[in-house]
Amino acid sequence: MIQTLYRVPEYREDLLYDAVCKFMADLEIEKDLRPGMKVVLKPNLVMAKSPSVPVTTHPLVIKAVAVWLSEHGIDDITLAESSGGLYNAEYMKNVYHVCGMRQLAPLVKLNMDFSARTVNCPPDFKNHSFHIITPICEADYIINICKLKTHAMTGYSGGIKNLFGTIPGLEKPQLHYRWPDIEDFSRMLLEIAQTVKPGLTVIDAVDAMEGNGPTGGTSHPLHMVLAAKDMYTQDYFAAGLMGLLPKDIVMLRQACEAGLALPDEITLKGDAIPKDLTPFQVPDTKKLDFTGFLPGFLRKPFTKIAAKLLKSYPQLDKNLCVGCGKCAESCPAHVITISDKKAHFHKKGCISCFCCQEMCPMKAISVKKAL
């Protein structure tokens, strides 16, 4: 498996384009393309946030990829994403605008088809089918362009997690509710990734996020762009760059167990791994998980016995809450209500998915333990 790593000190068009040209050559992407192909770029636009903060894929990374594609005979390029909220024209127009995607026109078409299709899965999958946004279903070639971040529920967010954004709008919370356990949820993410099958995955790590990602964390620049055809092994590699233990990330452990991630077969091309990397701060959900002191074989039975004591719950800072309702809109268990211009959380029924924390634009939601 070829893993590319190129140092990019800042978001500048010429620097990013140079890195894109190099990794496209390393990976021989031109051989995968042909005239007339429909190429879809799948960024991370989880919410409407300025490119100045490391929440979403930076538009200049996407632009550099699109310019390279155009120069290699691809003229049908669409950017398609389903953000964390609604999946309709009004909502997505605002996301495109705030995230800086409009500067991609006319080179890239911003998707305005908000339909979805049912895609059947192999018989051995736990999910029999997925409802996938139409541009992804119609694509001849998909380029997954994600943002490197820590994540409150999964611990890590990269190529695999980014493809959850191919599920339309508020159908994502339904999958959270169906698969609340991290083992089941992670397996579901892997099944989506195997269904979508991007041809290339690019990780924007010029500026990355640590702490309470995917939206409430802080900047941790790595000044690099990663690219590989094998997103499973690449995610394992990228988690290591963050100072995380990849096999402690459930979806990466499962990817290894399934033979999808092959960390022992990485061939690095491009720049050397910097020696001055510092570990990323983990989300509060991980800091509060004190089962880590136990041997691996004891964690599962201990957690089952002490589940109520160990469970994490969202906690609201009423001084920061503006009553916008984004948390209630995204809650798969429907245990959040809005009254008197404030959110109110009901612990009974909460599945601790932290969609509410993810979608809160005011960073008014933190994590606490029942104990």
Protein backbone atom coordinates (compact mmCIF):
# COMPACT_ATOMS: atom_id res chain seq x y z
CA MET A 1 0.00 0.00 0.00
CA ILE A 2 1.45 3.37 -1.04
CA GLN A 3 0.94 6.14 1.50
CA THR A 4 1.91 9.63 0.46
CA LEU A 5 2.79 12.47 2.82
CA TYR A 6 3.68 15.96 1.65
CA ARG A 7 4.52 18.90 3.84
CA VAL A 8 2.39 22.00 3.18
CA PRO A 9 3.19 24.81 5.64
CA GLU A 10 0.06 26.85 4.94
CA TYR A 11 -3.13 27.00 2.88
CA ARG A 12 -1.72 28.48 -0.31
CA GLU A 13 -2.87 27.49 -3.79
CA ASP A 14 0.56 26.96 -5.30
CA LEU A 15 1.82 24.85 -2.39
CA LEU A 16 -1.28 22.69 -2.32
CA TYR A 17 -1.31 22.24 -6.09
CA ASP A 18 2.33 21.15 -6.00
CA ALA A 19 1.54 18.54 -3.33
CA VAL A 20 -1.51 17.30 -5.27
CA CYS A 21 0.53 16.88 -8.47
CA LYS A 22 3.11 14.84 -6.57
CA PHE A 23 0.73 12.47 -4.83
CA MET A 24 -1.40 11.99 -7.95
CA ALA A 25 1.78 10.90 -9.76
CA ASP A 26 2.90 8.68 -6.87
CA LEU A 27 -0.45 6.89 -6.87
CA GLU A 28 -0.80 6.82 -10.69
CA ILE A 29 -4.32 8.22 -10.46
CA GLU A 30 -4.28 9.25 -14.12
CA LYS A 31 -4.50 5.55 -15.04
CA ASP A 32 -7.83 5.32 -13.19
CA LEU A 33 -9.43 8.15 -15.17
CA ARG A 34 -10.93 8.40 -18.63
CA PRO A 35 -12.61 11.22 -20.59
CA GLY A 36 -16.29 11.73 -19.82
CA MET A 37 -16.13 10.34 -16.29
CA LYS A 38 -18.34 11.81 -13.56
CA VAL A 39 -16.03 12.54 -10.66
CA VAL A 40 -17.51 13.39 -7.27
CA LEU A 41 -15.49 15.10 -4.55
CA LYS A 42 -16.74 14.23 -1.04
CA PRO A 43 -15.47 16.80 1.50
CA ASN A 44 -16.14 17.12 5.22
CA LEU A 45 -18.67 19.94 5.59
CA VAL A 46 -20.15 18.76 8.89
CA MET A 47 -21.55 22.23 9.62
CA ALA A 48 -21.41 25.81 8.39
CA LYS A 49 -18.01 26.96 9.65
CA SER A 50 -15.40 29.30 8.22
CA PRO A 51 -12.31 27.69 6.64
CA SER A 52 -10.27 29.63 9.21
CA VAL A 53 -11.16 27.02 11.85
CA PRO A 54 -10.25 23.31 11.42
CA VAL A 55 -13.80 21.93 11.31
CA THR A 56 -14.28 21.39 7.57
CA THR A 57 -12.12 20.50 4.57
CA HIS A 58 -10.35 23.64 3.40
CA PRO A 59 -11.63 24.85 -0.01
CA LEU A 60 -8.11 25.34 -1.36
CA VAL A 61 -7.33 21.64 -0.86
CA ILE A 62 -10.44 20.77 -2.86
CA LYS A 63 -9.59 23.36 -5.50
CA ALA A 64 -6.09 21.95 -5.99
CA VAL A 65 -7.54 18.48 -6.60
CA ALA A 66 -10.15 19.89 -9.00
CA VAL A 67 -7.57 21.86 -10.98
CA TRP A 68 -5.47 18.71 -11.40
CA LEU A 69 -8.52 16.75 -12.56
CA SER A 70 -9.44 19.45 -15.07
CA GLU A 71 -5.92 19.50 -16.46
CA HIS A 72 -6.17 15.74 -16.95
CA GLY A 73 -9.34 15.83 -19.04
CA ILE A 74 -12.06 15.60 -16.39
CA ASP A 75 -14.69 18.30 -16.91
CA ASP A 76 -17.62 16.77 -14.95
CA ILE A 77 -16.63 17.44 -11.33
CA THR A 78 -19.26 17.67 -8.58
CA LEU A 79 -18.86 18.42 -4.89
CA ALA A 80 -21.42 16.44 -2.88
CA GLU A 81 -21.95 16.29 0.86
CA SER A 82 -24.71 15.80 3.39
CA SER A 83 -23.90 17.90 6.45
CA GLY A 84 -24.94 17.21 10.01
CA GLY A 85 -28.27 19.01 9.72
CA LEU A 86 -30.96 19.11 7.06
CA TYR A 87 -30.29 17.99 3.52
CA ASN A 88 -32.07 20.53 1.35
CA ALA A 89 -31.24 23.47 -0.90
CA GLU A 90 -31.63 26.24 1.68
CA TYR A 91 -29.52 24.52 4.31
CA MET A 92 -26.76 23.37 1.99
CA LYS A 93 -26.49 26.72 0.18
CA ASN A 94 -25.61 28.28 3.52
CA VAL A 95 -23.09 25.51 4.28
CA TYR A 96 -21.44 25.97 0.88
CA HIS A 97 -21.26 29.73 1.40
CA VAL A 98 -19.89 29.75 4.95
CA CYS A 99 -17.40 26.93 4.26
CA GLY A 100 -15.97 28.80 1.26
CA MET A 101 -17.08 26.32 -1.38
CA ARG A 102 -18.48 28.91 -3.77
CA GLN A 103 -14.96 29.87 -4.81
CA LEU A 104 -14.72 26.47 -6.52
CA ALA A 105 -17.16 27.50 -9.26
CA PRO A 106 -17.21 27.16 -12.23
CA LEU A 107 -14.57 24.42 -12.02
CA VAL A 108 -16.66 22.37 -9.58
CA LYS A 109 -20.45 22.02 -9.52
CA LEU A 110 -21.94 22.29 -6.03
CA ASN A 111 -24.51 19.53 -5.74
CA MET A 112 -28.14 20.69 -5.73
CA ASP A 113 -29.75 17.27 -6.16
CA PHE A 114 -31.02 16.35 -2.70
CA SER A 115 -32.45 12.95 -3.51
CA ALA A 116 -31.03 9.63 -2.33
CA ARG A 117 -31.09 6.01 -3.46
CA THR A 118 -31.18 2.67 -1.71
CA VAL A 119 -28.00 0.68 -2.24
CA ASN A 120 -28.03 -2.98 -1.27
CA CYS A 121 -25.16 -4.44 0.76
CA PRO A 122 -23.49 -7.87 0.61
CA PRO A 123 -25.37 -10.60 2.51
CA ASP A 124 -22.74 -10.83 5.28
CA PHE A 125 -23.17 -7.15 6.26
CA LYS A 126 -25.19 -6.27 9.38
CA ASN A 127 -26.85 -3.53 7.33
CA HIS A 128 -28.89 -4.92 4.45
CA SER A 129 -28.83 -1.58 2.59
CA PHE A 130 -27.96 2.09 2.91
CA HIS A 131 -29.74 5.19 1.68
CA ILE A 132 -26.95 7.06 -0.16
CA ILE A 133 -27.10 10.56 -1.65
CA THR A 134 -27.67 10.40 -5.41
CA PRO A 135 -24.45 12.08 -6.70
CA ILE A 136 -22.39 9.42 -4.94
CA CYS A 137 -24.50 6.67 -6.53
CA GLU A 138 -24.08 8.18 -10.00
CA ALA A 139 -20.34 8.83 -9.76
CA ASP A 140 -17.83 6.98 -11.92
CA TYR A 141 -15.04 7.91 -9.52
CA ILE A 142 -15.18 9.25 -5.96
CA ILE A 143 -12.45 11.25 -4.24
CA ASN A 144 -12.88 11.37 -0.48
CA ILE A 145 -11.34 14.64 0.83
CA CYS A 146 -11.59 14.63 4.62
CA LYS A 147 -10.35 16.65 7.57
CA LEU A 148 -8.11 15.10 10.23
CA LYS A 149 -9.78 15.37 13.65
CA THR A 150 -10.37 13.71 16.97
CA HIS A 151 -13.98 12.69 17.53
CA ALA A 152 -16.09 12.53 20.70
CA MET A 153 -17.71 9.19 19.83
CA THR A 154 -15.29 7.35 17.56
CA GLY A 155 -12.07 8.86 18.91
CA TYR A 156 -10.73 9.56 15.43
CA SER A 157 -12.18 11.06 12.26
CA GLY A 158 -10.57 10.67 8.86
CA GLY A 159 -11.41 8.91 5.62
CA ILE A 160 -13.73 6.20 6.92
CA LYS A 161 -15.76 8.49 9.18
CA ASN A 162 -16.07 11.13 6.44
CA LEU A 163 -18.18 8.76 4.35
CA PHE A 164 -20.94 8.89 6.98
CA GLY A 165 -21.72 12.15 5.17
CA THR A 166 -23.04 10.16 2.22
CA ILE A 167 -26.11 9.33 4.33
CA PRO A 168 -28.73 12.06 3.73
CA GLY A 169 -29.41 14.64 6.41
CA LEU A 170 -31.29 13.56 9.49
CA GLU A 171 -31.14 9.91 8.49
CA LYS A 172 -27.70 9.91 10.14
CA PRO A 173 -29.18 10.25 13.66
CA GLN A 174 -31.44 7.29 12.84
CA LEU A 175 -28.35 5.15 12.29
CA HIS A 176 -26.90 6.42 15.56
CA TYR A 177 -30.09 5.28 17.28
CA ARG A 178 -30.09 1.92 15.52
CA TRP A 179 -26.44 1.24 16.39
CA PRO A 180 -25.76 3.08 19.71
CA ASP A 181 -22.96 0.73 20.83
CA ILE A 182 -19.52 1.83 19.60
CA GLU A 183 -18.71 -1.66 18.27
CA ASP A 184 -21.89 -1.75 16.18
CA PHE A 185 -21.62 1.89 15.11
CA SER A 186 -18.01 1.42 13.99
CA ARG A 187 -18.94 -1.70 12.02
CA MET A 188 -21.69 0.31 10.34
CA LEU A 189 -19.13 2.98 9.34
CA LEU A 190 -16.93 0.31 7.79
CA GLU A 191 -19.89 -1.09 5.88
CA ILE A 192 -20.73 2.37 4.49
CA ALA A 193 -17.10 2.82 3.45
CA GLN A 194 -17.09 -0.56 1.66
CA THR A 195 -20.34 0.39 -0.06
CA VAL A 196 -19.18 3.82 -1.28
CA LYS A 197 -15.68 2.64 -2.31
CA PRO A 198 -13.84 5.90 -3.06
CA GLY A 199 -10.98 5.56 -5.52
CA LEU A 200 -8.78 8.01 -3.63
CA THR A 201 -8.79 9.47 -0.13
CA VAL A 202 -7.06 12.77 0.65
CA ILE A 203 -6.61 13.95 4.24
CA ASP A 204 -6.40 17.68 4.89
CA ALA A 205 -4.03 17.90 7.87
CA VAL A 206 -2.49 21.28 7.14
CA ASP A 207 -4.55 22.34 10.13
CA ALA A 208 -6.20 19.54 12.10
CA MET A 209 -8.43 19.40 15.18
CA GLU A 210 -7.75 18.01 18.64
CA GLY A 211 -9.93 17.76 21.75
CA ASN A 212 -13.69 17.76 21.44
CA GLY A 213 -13.91 17.13 17.73
CA PRO A 214 -15.41 16.95 15.24
CA THR A 215 -16.61 20.54 15.75
CA GLY A 216 -15.83 21.69 19.30
CA GLY A 217 -12.08 21.10 19.44
CA THR A 218 -9.08 23.33 18.85
CA SER A 219 -6.40 23.72 16.20
CA HIS A 220 -3.45 21.32 16.03
CA PRO A 221 -1.63 21.95 12.72
CA LEU A 222 0.36 19.11 11.16
CA HIS A 223 1.24 21.12 8.02
CA MET A 224 0.75 18.15 5.73
CA VAL A 225 -1.55 16.55 3.18
CA LEU A 226 -1.90 12.76 3.04
CA ALA A 227 -3.26 10.69 0.16
CA ALA A 228 -3.76 6.98 -0.54
CA LYS A 229 -6.04 4.64 -2.45
CA ASP A 230 -6.42 2.49 0.68
CA MET A 231 -8.29 4.67 3.19
CA TYR A 232 -8.40 1.96 5.87
CA THR A 233 -4.63 1.65 6.17
CA GLN A 234 -4.26 5.40 5.71
CA ASP A 235 -6.56 6.07 8.68
CA TYR A 236 -4.45 3.69 10.77
CA PHE A 237 -1.33 5.60 9.70
CA ALA A 238 -2.87 9.03 10.31
CA ALA A 239 -4.11 8.09 13.79
CA GLY A 240 -0.54 7.18 14.63
CA LEU A 241 0.66 10.60 13.48
CA MET A 242 -1.78 12.10 15.99
CA GLY A 243 -0.23 10.13 18.85
CA LEU A 244 -3.30 7.93 19.15
CA LEU A 245 -3.11 4.15 19.51
CA PRO A 246 -4.82 3.02 16.29
CA LYS A 247 -6.04 -0.28 17.69
CA ASP A 248 -7.76 1.58 20.52
CA ILE A 249 -9.94 3.18 17.82
CA VAL A 250 -12.70 0.60 17.39
CA MET A 251 -13.25 1.08 13.65
CA LEU A 252 -9.50 0.79 12.99
CA ARG A 253 -9.21 -2.35 15.10
CA GLN A 254 -12.18 -3.81 13.23
CA ALA A 255 -10.62 -2.79 9.90
CA CYS A 256 -7.47 -4.70 10.83
CA GLU A 257 -9.46 -7.74 11.97
CA ALA A 258 -11.38 -7.74 8.67
CA GLY A 259 -8.18 -7.49 6.62
CA LEU A 260 -9.15 -4.05 5.32
CA ALA A 261 -6.31 -2.18 7.04
CA LEU A 262 -2.80 -3.54 6.46
CA PRO A 263 -0.47 -1.34 8.53
CA ASP A 264 2.51 -3.66 8.04
CA GLU A 265 2.39 -3.14 4.27
CA ILE A 266 2.80 0.66 4.10
CA THR A 267 5.29 2.13 1.66
CA LEU A 268 5.74 5.84 2.42
CA LYS A 269 6.33 8.23 -0.47
CA GLY A 270 6.95 11.96 -0.36
CA ASP A 271 8.31 13.69 2.71
CA ALA A 272 9.58 12.00 5.85
CA ILE A 273 7.41 11.87 8.95
CA PRO A 274 8.32 14.98 10.98
CA LYS A 275 10.21 14.28 14.19
CA ASP A 276 8.59 17.14 16.09
CA LEU A 277 5.01 15.81 16.12
CA THR A 278 3.16 16.21 19.41
CA PRO A 279 0.25 14.05 20.65
CA PHE A 280 -3.28 15.31 20.05
CA GLN A 281 -5.51 16.10 23.01
CA VAL A 282 -8.24 13.46 23.20
CA PRO A 283 -11.97 14.27 23.54
CA ASP A 284 -13.49 14.61 27.02
CA THR A 285 -15.38 11.37 26.39
CA LYS A 286 -12.05 9.52 26.26
CA LYS A 287 -10.54 11.34 29.23
CA LEU A 288 -13.47 10.20 31.33
CA ASP A 289 -13.20 6.56 30.30
CA PHE A 290 -11.27 5.17 33.27
CA THR A 291 -11.55 1.53 32.11
CA GLY A 292 -8.20 2.16 30.43
CA PHE A 293 -6.30 1.02 33.52
CA LEU A 294 -7.76 -2.49 33.15
CA PRO A 295 -6.26 -5.31 31.06
CA GLY A 296 -8.03 -5.65 27.72
CA PHE A 297 -9.75 -8.94 28.59
CA LEU A 298 -11.38 -7.36 31.68
CA ARG A 299 -12.67 -4.16 30.10
CA LYS A 300 -15.77 -5.61 28.45
CA PRO A 301 -17.19 -7.46 31.49
CA PHE A 302 -16.27 -4.61 33.83
CA THR A 303 -17.94 -2.05 31.55
CA LYS A 304 -21.11 -4.14 31.38
CA ILE A 305 -21.28 -4.39 35.16
CA ALA A 306 -20.59 -0.70 35.71
CA ALA A 307 -22.30 0.65 32.58
CA LYS A 308 -24.50 3.14 34.40
CA LEU A 309 -21.58 4.46 36.43
CA LEU A 310 -19.26 4.82 33.47
CA LYS A 311 -21.70 6.23 30.94
CA SER A 312 -20.98 9.69 29.55
CA TYR A 313 -23.77 12.23 29.15
CA PRO A 314 -24.00 15.66 27.52
CA GLN A 315 -24.00 18.62 29.88
CA LEU A 316 -25.28 22.05 28.90
CA ASP A 317 -23.73 25.40 29.77
CA LYS A 318 -26.88 27.54 29.90
CA ASN A 319 -24.84 30.72 29.70
CA LEU A 320 -23.62 29.73 26.24
CA CYS A 321 -26.83 28.15 24.95
CA VAL A 322 -28.88 30.36 22.61
CA GLY A 323 -31.74 27.93 22.06
CA CYS A 324 -31.06 27.47 18.35
CA GLY A 325 -32.36 23.88 18.44
CA LYS A 326 -29.52 22.28 16.49
CA CYS A 327 -28.96 19.79 19.32
CA ALA A 328 -32.62 18.73 19.42
CA GLU A 329 -32.73 18.47 15.62
CA SER A 330 -29.75 16.11 15.57
CA CYS A 331 -30.69 13.97 18.61
CA PRO A 332 -31.52 10.44 17.40
CA ALA A 333 -33.22 9.52 20.69
CA HIS A 334 -35.32 12.73 20.77
CA VAL A 335 -34.47 13.42 24.41
CA ILE A 336 -33.72 17.14 23.97
CA THR A 337 -36.38 19.84 24.04
CA ILE A 338 -36.18 23.62 23.62
CA SER A 339 -38.12 25.90 25.94
CA ASP A 340 -37.53 29.42 27.24
CA LYS A 341 -34.80 29.76 24.60
CA LYS A 342 -32.71 27.04 26.23
CA ALA A 343 -32.07 23.36 25.55
CA HIS A 344 -33.25 20.83 28.13
CA PHE A 345 -31.69 17.35 28.27
CA HIS A 346 -33.49 14.25 29.54
CA LYS A 347 -31.03 11.59 30.65
CA LYS A 348 -33.49 8.73 30.27
CA GLY A 349 -33.17 7.42 26.74
CA CYS A 350 -29.88 9.20 25.96
CA ILE A 351 -27.61 6.91 23.93
CA SER A 352 -24.47 9.05 24.45
CA CYS A 353 -23.78 9.51 20.73
CA PHE A 354 -22.90 13.20 21.29
CA CYS A 355 -24.53 14.32 18.06
CA CYS A 356 -25.75 17.27 20.13
CA GLN A 357 -22.21 18.29 21.05
CA GLU A 358 -21.12 17.82 17.45
CA MET A 359 -23.81 20.12 16.04
CA CYS A 360 -23.81 22.85 18.72
CA PRO A 361 -22.49 26.03 17.06
CA MET A 362 -21.90 27.72 20.45
CA LYS A 363 -19.80 24.96 22.10
CA ALA A 364 -22.36 24.98 24.89
CA ILE A 365 -22.35 21.19 25.39
CA SER A 366 -19.66 19.29 27.27
CA VAL A 367 -19.36 15.76 28.64
CA LYS A 368 -19.86 14.42 32.15
CA LYS A 369 -20.09 11.02 33.79
CA ALA A 370 -23.09 9.71 35.69
CA LEU A 371 -20.70 8.80 38.51
